[in-house]
Amino acid sequence: YDRQVVKVDENRVRAANQALIAASRGTPPRATLPTGGYKSLRVTTPGFTDRYLRHYDGLANTEPVTAASPAVLKADAT
């Protein structure tokens, strides 16, 4: 059978790496989060904005949280 091996062009890889580094330097400064209190992190993806980050059983996931949600769910998501 005929097998073709695609070799990576070193100059293209270097250019891609340099572009990535340059892009990372142009990012806005990180936001400072307040300390000394509890906060909830809400999902911002359209169609899922009722979901919050929840820590449960050693894992992190998102779950819908409403006013009618159990207290333990609200506590896990705060």
PDB file of N, CA and C in Angstrom:
ATOM      1  N   TYR A   1       0.838  -1.170   0.000  1.00  0.00           N
ATOM      2  CA  TYR A   1       0.000   0.000   0.000  1.00  0.00           C
ATOM      3  C   TYR A   1       0.882   1.232   0.000  1.00  0.00           C
ATOM      4  N   ASP A   2       0.329   2.332  -0.431  1.00  0.00           N
ATOM      5  CA  ASP A   2       1.088   3.570  -0.534  1.00  0.00           C
ATOM      6  C   ASP A   2       0.722   4.468   0.642  1.00  0.00           C
ATOM      7  N   ARG A   3       1.691   4.733   1.479  1.00  0.00           N
ATOM      8  CA  ARG A   3       1.446   5.546   2.675  1.00  0.00           C
ATOM      9  C   ARG A   3       2.168   6.884   2.530  1.00  0.00           C
ATOM     10  N   GLN A   4       1.444   7.938   2.730  1.00  0.00           N
ATOM     11  CA  GLN A   4       2.052   9.263   2.681  1.00  0.00           C
ATOM     12  C   GLN A   4       2.247   9.772   4.103  1.00  0.00           C
ATOM     13  N   VAL A   5       3.392  10.337   4.335  1.00  0.00           N
ATOM     14  CA  VAL A   5       3.695  10.901   5.640  1.00  0.00           C
ATOM     15  C   VAL A   5       3.691  12.417   5.504  1.00  0.00           C
ATOM     16  N   VAL A   6       2.861  13.051   6.295  1.00  0.00           N
ATOM     17  CA  VAL A   6       2.800  14.502   6.280  1.00  0.00           C
ATOM     18  C   VAL A   6       3.771  15.017   7.332  1.00  0.00           C
ATOM     19  N   LYS A   7       4.712  15.821   6.909  1.00  0.00           N
ATOM     20  CA  LYS A   7       5.687  16.375   7.845  1.00  0.00           C
ATOM     21  C   LYS A   7       5.295  17.803   8.190  1.00  0.00           C
ATOM     22  N   VAL A   8       5.554  18.170   9.422  1.00  0.00           N
ATOM     23  CA  VAL A   8       5.214  19.500   9.909  1.00  0.00           C
ATOM     24  C   VAL A   8       6.268  20.489   9.435  1.00  0.00           C
ATOM     25  N   ASP A   9       5.801  21.620   8.922  1.00  0.00           N
ATOM     26  CA  ASP A   9       6.699  22.691   8.502  1.00  0.00           C
ATOM     27  C   ASP A   9       7.101  23.489   9.742  1.00  0.00           C
ATOM     28  N   GLU A  10       8.373  23.461  10.066  1.00  0.00           N
ATOM     29  CA  GLU A  10       8.872  24.109  11.280  1.00  0.00           C
ATOM     30  C   GLU A  10       8.546  25.604  11.309  1.00  0.00           C
ATOM     31  N   ASN A  11       8.648  26.268  10.180  1.00  0.00           N
ATOM     32  CA  ASN A  11       8.368  27.708  10.132  1.00  0.00           C
ATOM     33  C   ASN A  11       6.893  28.008  10.398  1.00  0.00           C
ATOM     34  N   ARG A  12       6.008  27.158   9.909  1.00  0.00           N
ATOM     35  CA  ARG A  12       4.575  27.361  10.162  1.00  0.00           C
ATOM     36  C   ARG A  12       4.250  27.148  11.635  1.00  0.00           C
ATOM     37  N   VAL A  13       4.883  26.151  12.250  1.00  0.00           N
ATOM     38  CA  VAL A  13       4.657  25.898  13.677  1.00  0.00           C
ATOM     39  C   VAL A  13       5.174  27.074  14.496  1.00  0.00           C
ATOM     40  N   ARG A  14       6.371  27.560  14.162  1.00  0.00           N
ATOM     41  CA  ARG A  14       6.942  28.702  14.879  1.00  0.00           C
ATOM     42  C   ARG A  14       6.034  29.930  14.736  1.00  0.00           C
ATOM     43  N   ALA A  15       5.546  30.179  13.534  1.00  0.00           N
ATOM     44  CA  ALA A  15       4.666  31.329  13.305  1.00  0.00           C
ATOM     45  C   ALA A  15       3.369  31.193  14.102  1.00  0.00           C
ATOM     46  N   ALA A  16       2.822  29.993  14.147  1.00  0.00           N
ATOM     47  CA  ALA A  16       1.591  29.764  14.914  1.00  0.00           C
ATOM     48  C   ALA A  16       1.839  29.986  16.400  1.00  0.00           C
ATOM     49  N   ASN A  17       2.973  29.504  16.906  1.00  0.00           N
ATOM     50  CA  ASN A  17       3.300  29.696  18.322  1.00  0.00           C
ATOM     51  C   ASN A  17       3.486  31.174  18.643  1.00  0.00           C
ATOM     52  N   GLN A  18       4.181  31.897  17.773  1.00  0.00           N
ATOM     53  CA  GLN A  18       4.395  33.326  17.998  1.00  0.00           C
ATOM     54  C   GLN A  18       3.068  34.093  17.971  1.00  0.00           C
ATOM     55  N   ALA A  19       2.183  33.707  17.064  1.00  0.00           N
ATOM     56  CA  ALA A  19       0.873  34.354  16.992  1.00  0.00           C
ATOM     57  C   ALA A  19       0.069  34.093  18.261  1.00  0.00           C
ATOM     58  N   LEU A  20       0.159  32.879  18.783  1.00  0.00           N
ATOM     59  CA  LEU A  20      -0.546  32.537  20.014  1.00  0.00           C
ATOM     60  C   LEU A  20      -0.003  33.333  21.197  1.00  0.00           C
ATOM     61  N   ILE A  21       1.313  33.437  21.273  1.00  0.00           N
ATOM     62  CA  ILE A  21       1.932  34.209  22.352  1.00  0.00           C
ATOM     63  C   ILE A  21       1.525  35.673  22.256  1.00  0.00           C
ATOM     64  N   ALA A  22       1.553  36.227  21.051  1.00  0.00           N
ATOM     65  CA  ALA A  22       1.172  37.627  20.856  1.00  0.00           C
ATOM     66  C   ALA A  22      -0.288  37.851  21.239  1.00  0.00           C
ATOM     67  N   ALA A  23      -1.149  36.920  20.875  1.00  0.00           N
ATOM     68  CA  ALA A  23      -2.570  37.049  21.208  1.00  0.00           C
ATOM     69  C   ALA A  23      -2.787  36.986  22.714  1.00  0.00           C
ATOM     70  N   SER A  24      -2.023  36.147  23.399  1.00  0.00           N
ATOM     71  CA  SER A  24      -2.201  36.013  24.846  1.00  0.00           C
ATOM     72  C   SER A  24      -1.751  37.263  25.580  1.00  0.00           C
ATOM     73  N   ARG A  25      -0.814  37.976  25.012  1.00  0.00           N
ATOM     74  CA  ARG A  25      -0.342  39.213  25.649  1.00  0.00           C
ATOM     75  C   ARG A  25      -1.329  40.353  25.466  1.00  0.00           C
ATOM     76  N   GLY A  26      -2.213  40.215  24.498  1.00  0.00           N
ATOM     77  CA  GLY A  26      -3.183  41.261  24.235  1.00  0.00           C
ATOM     78  C   GLY A  26      -4.490  41.081  24.985  1.00  0.00           C
ATOM     79  N   THR A  27      -4.568  40.080  25.846  1.00  0.00           N
ATOM     80  CA  THR A  27      -5.810  39.838  26.575  1.00  0.00           C
ATOM     81  C   THR A  27      -5.999  40.881  27.669  1.00  0.00           C
ATOM     82  N   PRO A  28      -7.232  41.186  28.000  1.00  0.00           N
ATOM     83  CA  PRO A  28      -7.481  42.159  29.064  1.00  0.00           C
ATOM     84  C   PRO A  28      -7.009  41.606  30.411  1.00  0.00           C
ATOM     85  N   PRO A  29      -6.760  42.482  31.359  1.00  0.00           N
ATOM     86  CA  PRO A  29      -6.316  42.011  32.676  1.00  0.00           C
ATOM     87  C   PRO A  29      -7.393  41.154  33.340  1.00  0.00           C
ATOM     88  N   ARG A  30      -6.955  40.271  34.183  1.00  0.00           N
ATOM     89  CA  ARG A  30      -7.891  39.394  34.894  1.00  0.00           C
ATOM     90  C   ARG A  30      -8.735  40.199  35.873  1.00  0.00           C
ATOM     91  N   ALA A  31      -9.948  39.762  36.038  1.00  0.00           N
ATOM     92  CA  ALA A  31     -10.849  40.413  36.989  1.00  0.00           C
ATOM     93  C   ALA A  31     -10.516  39.946  38.400  1.00  0.00           C
ATOM     94  N   THR A  32     -10.609  40.845  39.331  1.00  0.00           N
ATOM     95  CA  THR A  32     -10.391  40.504  40.727  1.00  0.00           C
ATOM     96  C   THR A  32     -11.739  40.159  41.345  1.00  0.00           C
ATOM     97  N   LEU A  33     -11.828  38.965  41.908  1.00  0.00           N
ATOM     98  CA  LEU A  33     -13.071  38.541  42.548  1.00  0.00           C
ATOM     99  C   LEU A  33     -13.069  38.971  44.005  1.00  0.00           C
ATOM    100  N   PRO A  34     -14.214  39.378  44.513  1.00  0.00           N
ATOM    101  CA  PRO A  34     -14.283  39.775  45.918  1.00  0.00           C
ATOM    102  C   PRO A  34     -14.056  38.571  46.831  1.00  0.00           C
ATOM    103  N   THR A  35     -13.481  38.836  47.985  1.00  0.00           N
ATOM    104  CA  THR A  35     -13.241  37.771  48.962  1.00  0.00           C
ATOM    105  C   THR A  35     -14.059  38.048  50.213  1.00  0.00           C
ATOM    106  N   GLY A  36     -14.120  37.049  51.077  1.00  0.00           N
ATOM    107  CA  GLY A  36     -14.811  37.224  52.342  1.00  0.00           C
ATOM    108  C   GLY A  36     -16.305  36.988  52.275  1.00  0.00           C
ATOM    109  N   GLY A  37     -16.780  36.368  51.213  1.00  0.00           N
ATOM    110  CA  GLY A  37     -18.205  36.091  51.099  1.00  0.00           C
ATOM    111  C   GLY A  37     -18.446  34.975  50.103  1.00  0.00           C
ATOM    112  N   TYR A  38     -19.669  34.564  49.985  1.00  0.00           N
ATOM    113  CA  TYR A  38     -20.035  33.497  49.059  1.00  0.00           C
ATOM    114  C   TYR A  38     -20.596  34.090  47.777  1.00  0.00           C
ATOM    115  N   LYS A  39     -20.271  33.483  46.668  1.00  0.00           N
ATOM    116  CA  LYS A  39     -20.752  33.916  45.357  1.00  0.00           C
ATOM    117  C   LYS A  39     -21.237  32.704  44.585  1.00  0.00           C
ATOM    118  N   SER A  40     -22.117  32.938  43.631  1.00  0.00           N
ATOM    119  CA  SER A  40     -22.600  31.889  42.738  1.00  0.00           C
ATOM    120  C   SER A  40     -22.102  32.187  41.332  1.00  0.00           C
ATOM    121  N   LEU A  41     -21.714  31.140  40.612  1.00  0.00           N
ATOM    122  CA  LEU A  41     -21.256  31.288  39.235  1.00  0.00           C
ATOM    123  C   LEU A  41     -22.322  30.725  38.307  1.00  0.00           C
ATOM    124  N   ARG A  42     -22.930  31.608  37.512  1.00  0.00           N
ATOM    125  CA  ARG A  42     -24.021  31.215  36.625  1.00  0.00           C
ATOM    126  C   ARG A  42     -23.501  30.961  35.217  1.00  0.00           C
ATOM    127  N   VAL A  43     -24.111  30.010  34.542  1.00  0.00           N
ATOM    128  CA  VAL A  43     -23.788  29.710  33.151  1.00  0.00           C
ATOM    129  C   VAL A  43     -24.299  30.852  32.281  1.00  0.00           C
ATOM    130  N   THR A  44     -23.524  31.248  31.278  1.00  0.00           N
ATOM    131  CA  THR A  44     -23.935  32.340  30.389  1.00  0.00           C
ATOM    132  C   THR A  44     -24.285  31.858  28.989  1.00  0.00           C
ATOM    133  N   THR A  45     -24.234  30.550  28.745  1.00  0.00           N
ATOM    134  CA  THR A  45     -24.583  29.999  27.441  1.00  0.00           C
ATOM    135  C   THR A  45     -26.086  30.149  27.213  1.00  0.00           C
ATOM    136  N   PRO A  46     -26.493  30.744  26.070  1.00  0.00           N
ATOM    137  CA  PRO A  46     -27.928  30.894  25.803  1.00  0.00           C
ATOM    138  C   PRO A  46     -28.661  29.551  25.908  1.00  0.00           C
ATOM    139  N   GLY A  47     -29.798  29.579  26.581  1.00  0.00           N
ATOM    140  CA  GLY A  47     -30.587  28.370  26.769  1.00  0.00           C
ATOM    141  C   GLY A  47     -30.250  27.615  28.047  1.00  0.00           C
ATOM    142  N   PHE A  48     -29.168  28.011  28.714  1.00  0.00           N
ATOM    143  CA  PHE A  48     -28.750  27.326  29.939  1.00  0.00           C
ATOM    144  C   PHE A  48     -28.511  28.310  31.085  1.00  0.00           C
ATOM    145  N   THR A  49     -29.058  29.507  30.988  1.00  0.00           N
ATOM    146  CA  THR A  49     -28.766  30.536  31.984  1.00  0.00           C
ATOM    147  C   THR A  49     -29.439  30.305  33.334  1.00  0.00           C
ATOM    148  N   ASP A  50     -30.238  29.253  33.448  1.00  0.00           N
ATOM    149  CA  ASP A  50     -30.821  28.914  34.751  1.00  0.00           C
ATOM    150  C   ASP A  50     -29.899  27.975  35.531  1.00  0.00           C
ATOM    151  N   ARG A  51     -28.745  27.648  34.960  1.00  0.00           N
ATOM    152  CA  ARG A  51     -27.824  26.694  35.583  1.00  0.00           C
ATOM    153  C   ARG A  51     -26.704  27.426  36.324  1.00  0.00           C
ATOM    154  N   TYR A  52     -26.265  26.814  37.425  1.00  0.00           N
ATOM    155  CA  TYR A  52     -25.175  27.360  38.236  1.00  0.00           C
ATOM    156  C   TYR A  52     -24.139  26.266  38.464  1.00  0.00           C
ATOM    157  N   LEU A  53     -22.899  26.689  38.670  1.00  0.00           N
ATOM    158  CA  LEU A  53     -21.837  25.744  38.991  1.00  0.00           C
ATOM    159  C   LEU A  53     -22.098  25.180  40.375  1.00  0.00           C
ATOM    160  N   ARG A  54     -22.027  23.853  40.482  1.00  0.00           N
ATOM    161  CA  ARG A  54     -22.321  23.179  41.744  1.00  0.00           C
ATOM    162  C   ARG A  54     -21.186  22.232  42.089  1.00  0.00           C
ATOM    163  N   HIS A  55     -20.791  22.228  43.353  1.00  0.00           N
ATOM    164  CA  HIS A  55     -19.803  21.276  43.849  1.00  0.00           C
ATOM    165  C   HIS A  55     -20.564  20.209  44.619  1.00  0.00           C
ATOM    166  N   TYR A  56     -20.483  18.969  44.123  1.00  0.00           N
ATOM    167  CA  TYR A  56     -21.232  17.881  44.752  1.00  0.00           C
ATOM    168  C   TYR A  56     -20.422  16.599  44.673  1.00  0.00           C
ATOM    169  N   ASP A  57     -20.216  15.950  45.803  1.00  0.00           N
ATOM    170  CA  ASP A  57     -19.542  14.652  45.863  1.00  0.00           C
ATOM    171  C   ASP A  57     -18.154  14.707  45.220  1.00  0.00           C
ATOM    172  N   GLY A  58     -17.445  15.810  45.441  1.00  0.00           N
ATOM    173  CA  GLY A  58     -16.087  15.940  44.927  1.00  0.00           C
ATOM    174  C   GLY A  58     -15.993  16.313  43.458  1.00  0.00           C
ATOM    175  N   LEU A  59     -17.126  16.569  42.810  1.00  0.00           N
ATOM    176  CA  LEU A  59     -17.134  16.920  41.389  1.00  0.00           C
ATOM    177  C   LEU A  59     -17.802  18.270  41.188  1.00  0.00           C
ATOM    178  N   ALA A  60     -17.457  18.923  40.094  1.00  0.00           N
ATOM    179  CA  ALA A  60     -18.113  20.179  39.735  1.00  0.00           C
ATOM    180  C   ALA A  60     -18.946  19.945  38.489  1.00  0.00           C
ATOM    181  N   ASN A  61     -20.175  20.426  38.515  1.00  0.00           N
ATOM    182  CA  ASN A  61     -21.042  20.355  37.339  1.00  0.00           C
ATOM    183  C   ASN A  61     -22.019  21.517  37.412  1.00  0.00           C
ATOM    184  N   THR A  62     -22.862  21.631  36.412  1.00  0.00           N
ATOM    185  CA  THR A  62     -23.872  22.685  36.443  1.00  0.00           C
ATOM    186  C   THR A  62     -25.246  22.057  36.594  1.00  0.00           C
ATOM    187  N   GLU A  63     -26.103  22.771  37.319  1.00  0.00           N
ATOM    188  CA  GLU A  63     -27.472  22.299  37.535  1.00  0.00           C
ATOM    189  C   GLU A  63     -28.412  23.485  37.586  1.00  0.00           C
ATOM    190  N   PRO A  64     -29.647  23.282  37.120  1.00  0.00           N
ATOM    191  CA  PRO A  64     -30.629  24.364  37.243  1.00  0.00           C
ATOM    192  C   PRO A  64     -30.931  24.639  38.715  1.00  0.00           C
ATOM    193  N   VAL A  65     -30.922  25.897  39.081  1.00  0.00           N
ATOM    194  CA  VAL A  65     -31.240  26.303  40.450  1.00  0.00           C
ATOM    195  C   VAL A  65     -32.329  27.366  40.371  1.00  0.00           C
ATOM    196  N   THR A  66     -33.418  27.120  41.094  1.00  0.00           N
ATOM    197  CA  THR A  66     -34.534  28.066  41.139  1.00  0.00           C
ATOM    198  C   THR A  66     -34.867  28.369  42.594  1.00  0.00           C
ATOM    199  N   ALA A  67     -35.806  29.264  42.801  1.00  0.00           N
ATOM    200  CA  ALA A  67     -36.246  29.587  44.161  1.00  0.00           C
ATOM    201  C   ALA A  67     -36.830  28.359  44.849  1.00  0.00           C
ATOM    202  N   ALA A  68     -37.384  27.420  44.066  1.00  0.00           N
ATOM    203  CA  ALA A  68     -37.993  26.222  44.634  1.00  0.00           C
ATOM    204  C   ALA A  68     -36.994  25.083  44.835  1.00  0.00           C
ATOM    205  N   SER A  69     -35.740  25.275  44.469  1.00  0.00           N
ATOM    206  CA  SER A  69     -34.729  24.219  44.613  1.00  0.00           C
ATOM    207  C   SER A  69     -34.479  23.920  46.084  1.00  0.00           C
ATOM    208  N   PRO A  70     -34.094  22.679  46.393  1.00  0.00           N
ATOM    209  CA  PRO A  70     -33.785  22.323  47.779  1.00  0.00           C
ATOM    210  C   PRO A  70     -32.631  23.167  48.331  1.00  0.00           C
ATOM    211  N   ALA A  71     -32.632  23.376  49.625  1.00  0.00           N
ATOM    212  CA  ALA A  71     -31.606  24.199  50.269  1.00  0.00           C
ATOM    213  C   ALA A  71     -30.206  23.641  50.037  1.00  0.00           C
ATOM    214  N   VAL A  72     -30.076  22.313  50.013  1.00  0.00           N
ATOM    215  CA  VAL A  72     -28.751  21.716  49.819  1.00  0.00           C
ATOM    216  C   VAL A  72     -28.209  22.032  48.423  1.00  0.00           C
ATOM    217  N   LEU A  73     -29.076  22.048  47.421  1.00  0.00           N
ATOM    218  CA  LEU A  73     -28.647  22.404  46.067  1.00  0.00           C
ATOM    219  C   LEU A  73     -28.205  23.863  46.024  1.00  0.00           C
ATOM    220  N   LYS A  74     -28.963  24.733  46.656  1.00  0.00           N
ATOM    221  CA  LYS A  74     -28.595  26.150  46.689  1.00  0.00           C
ATOM    222  C   LYS A  74     -27.259  26.345  47.402  1.00  0.00           C
ATOM    223  N   ALA A  75     -27.052  25.610  48.493  1.00  0.00           N
ATOM    224  CA  ALA A  75     -25.791  25.720  49.228  1.00  0.00           C
ATOM    225  C   ALA A  75     -24.624  25.196  48.395  1.00  0.00           C
ATOM    226  N   ASP A  76     -24.834  24.086  47.683  1.00  0.00           N
ATOM    227  CA  ASP A  76     -23.776  23.526  46.835  1.00  0.00           C
ATOM    228  C   ASP A  76     -23.410  24.466  45.698  1.00  0.00           C
ATOM    229  N   ALA A  77     -24.350  25.292  45.268  1.00  0.00           N
ATOM    230  CA  ALA A  77     -24.131  26.193  44.133  1.00  0.00           C
ATOM    231  C   ALA A  77     -23.694  27.590  44.574  1.00  0.00           C
ATOM    232  N   THR A  78     -23.385  27.747  45.847  1.00  0.00           N
ATOM    233  CA  THR A  78     -22.958  29.057  46.353  1.00  0.00           C
ATOM    234  C   THR A  78     -21.564  28.969  46.917  1.00  0.00           C
TER     235      THR A  78
END
